[in-house]
C-alpha atoms as a PDB file:
ATOM      1  CA  MET A   1     -10.255  17.901 -40.197  1.00  0.00           C
ATOM      2  CA  LEU A   2     -10.531  17.829 -36.134  1.00  0.00           C
ATOM      3  CA  SER A   3      -8.777  20.913 -34.436  1.00  0.00           C
ATOM      4  CA  LYS A   4      -5.968  20.626 -31.552  1.00  0.00           C
ATOM      5  CA  GLY A   5      -8.393  21.612 -29.008  1.00  0.00           C
ATOM      6  CA  THR A   6     -11.147  18.416 -29.429  1.00  0.00           C
ATOM      7  CA  PRO A   7     -12.611  17.570 -26.036  1.00  0.00           C
ATOM      8  CA  GLY A   8     -11.863  13.377 -25.040  1.00  0.00           C
ATOM      9  CA  GLY A   9      -8.897  12.947 -28.009  1.00  0.00           C
ATOM     10  CA  PRO A  10      -5.653  11.818 -27.111  1.00  0.00           C
ATOM     11  CA  GLY A  11      -4.051  14.630 -24.058  1.00  0.00           C
ATOM     12  CA  PRO A  12      -0.138  15.265 -23.782  1.00  0.00           C
ATOM     13  CA  ARG A  13      -0.617  12.787 -21.325  1.00  0.00           C
ATOM     14  CA  GLY A  14      -2.359  10.074 -22.593  1.00  0.00           C
ATOM     15  CA  PRO A  15      -5.542   8.440 -23.836  1.00  0.00           C
ATOM     16  CA  GLY A  16      -8.290  11.052 -22.629  1.00  0.00           C
ATOM     17  CA  PRO A  17      -8.538  14.334 -21.094  1.00  0.00           C
ATOM     18  CA  ARG A  18      -7.343  12.966 -17.635  1.00  0.00           C
ATOM     19  CA  GLY A  19      -4.814  10.373 -19.217  1.00  0.00           C
ATOM     20  CA  GLY A  20      -0.874  10.500 -17.393  1.00  0.00           C
ATOM     21  CA  ARG A  21      -0.352  10.720 -13.444  1.00  0.00           C
ATOM     22  CA  GLY A  22      -1.506  14.358 -12.717  1.00  0.00           C
ATOM     23  CA  PRO A  23       0.478  17.299 -13.038  1.00  0.00           C
ATOM     24  CA  ARG A  24       3.442  16.453 -10.749  1.00  0.00           C
ATOM     25  CA  GLY A  25       3.460  12.855 -11.838  1.00  0.00           C
ATOM     26  CA  GLY A  26       4.807  11.914  -8.666  1.00  0.00           C
ATOM     27  CA  ARG A  27       3.581   8.749  -6.142  1.00  0.00           C
ATOM     28  CA  GLY A  28       3.449  11.624  -2.967  1.00  0.00           C
ATOM     29  CA  PRO A  29       5.587  11.626   0.412  1.00  0.00           C
ATOM     30  CA  GLY A  30       5.810   8.311   1.803  1.00  0.00           C
ATOM     31  CA  GLY A  31       7.173   5.346   0.516  1.00  0.00           C
ATOM     32  CA  TYR A  32      10.884   3.863   0.651  1.00  0.00           C
ATOM     33  CA  CYS A  33      13.322   3.770  -1.900  1.00  0.00           C
ATOM     34  CA  VAL A  34      14.555  -0.057  -2.599  1.00  0.00           C
ATOM     35  CA  CYS A  35      18.038  -1.468  -4.044  1.00  0.00           C
ATOM     36  CA  PRO A  36      16.685  -3.574  -6.671  1.00  0.00           C
ATOM     37  CA  ALA A  37      20.299  -5.344  -6.573  1.00  0.00           C
ATOM     38  CA  CYS A  38      20.212  -6.557  -2.641  1.00  0.00           C
ATOM     39  CA  GLY A  39      16.732  -5.398  -1.177  1.00  0.00           C
ATOM     40  CA  THR A  40      18.048  -2.537   1.251  1.00  0.00           C
ATOM     41  CA  LYS A  41      15.047   0.024   2.227  1.00  0.00           C
ATOM     42  CA  VAL A  42      15.528   3.484   3.026  1.00  0.00           C
ATOM     43  CA  PRO A  43      12.613   6.209   3.337  1.00  0.00           C
ATOM     44  CA  HIS A  44      11.524   7.913   0.555  1.00  0.00           C
ATOM     45  CA  THR A  45      12.415  11.631   0.615  1.00  0.00           C
ATOM     46  CA  PRO A  46       9.886  14.095  -0.417  1.00  0.00           C
ATOM     47  CA  GLY A  47      11.053  15.645  -3.576  1.00  0.00           C
ATOM     48  CA  VAL A  48      13.990  13.210  -4.407  1.00  0.00           C
ATOM     49  CA  PRO A  49      13.472  10.054  -6.799  1.00  0.00           C
ATOM     50  CA  CYS A  50      14.491   7.131  -5.881  1.00  0.00           C
ATOM     51  CA  ASN A  51      16.518   6.488  -9.198  1.00  0.00           C
ATOM     52  CA  THR A  52      19.106   9.530  -8.538  1.00  0.00           C
ATOM     53  CA  VAL A  53      19.982   7.911  -5.144  1.00  0.00           C
ATOM     54  CA  THR A  54      22.232   4.965  -4.436  1.00  0.00           C
ATOM     55  CA  CYS A  55      21.734   2.152  -1.864  1.00  0.00           C
ATOM     56  CA  PRO A  56      24.208   3.066   0.839  1.00  0.00           C
ATOM     57  CA  LYS A  57      25.198  -1.079   0.845  1.00  0.00           C
ATOM     58  CA  CYS A  58      25.988  -1.771  -2.713  1.00  0.00           C
ATOM     59  CA  GLY A  59      25.703   1.310  -4.852  1.00  0.00           C
ATOM     60  CA  THR A  60      23.272   0.103  -7.167  1.00  0.00           C
ATOM     61  CA  ARG A  61      20.811   2.764  -8.157  1.00  0.00           C
ATOM     62  CA  MET A  62      17.430   2.645  -6.314  1.00  0.00           C
ATOM     63  CA  VAL A  63      13.687   1.909  -7.047  1.00  0.00           C
ATOM     64  CA  ARG A  64      10.557   2.903  -5.711  1.00  0.00           C
ATOM     65  CA  GLU A  65       8.423   0.368  -3.789  1.00  0.00           C
END
């Protein structure tokens, strides 16, 4: 039987010891939030996920570019 601490096995964030996007999980501070409905772009605000921002033109939730 394998112990829970077996190196190289599936980790909490995916397979391997370094799975996932890192400890913070974000894409960095730059970029834009884009509306999938009308294409409006707004600058991404660090610390605010784009999917919590609504489009200023049509009110649809935005996505990260």
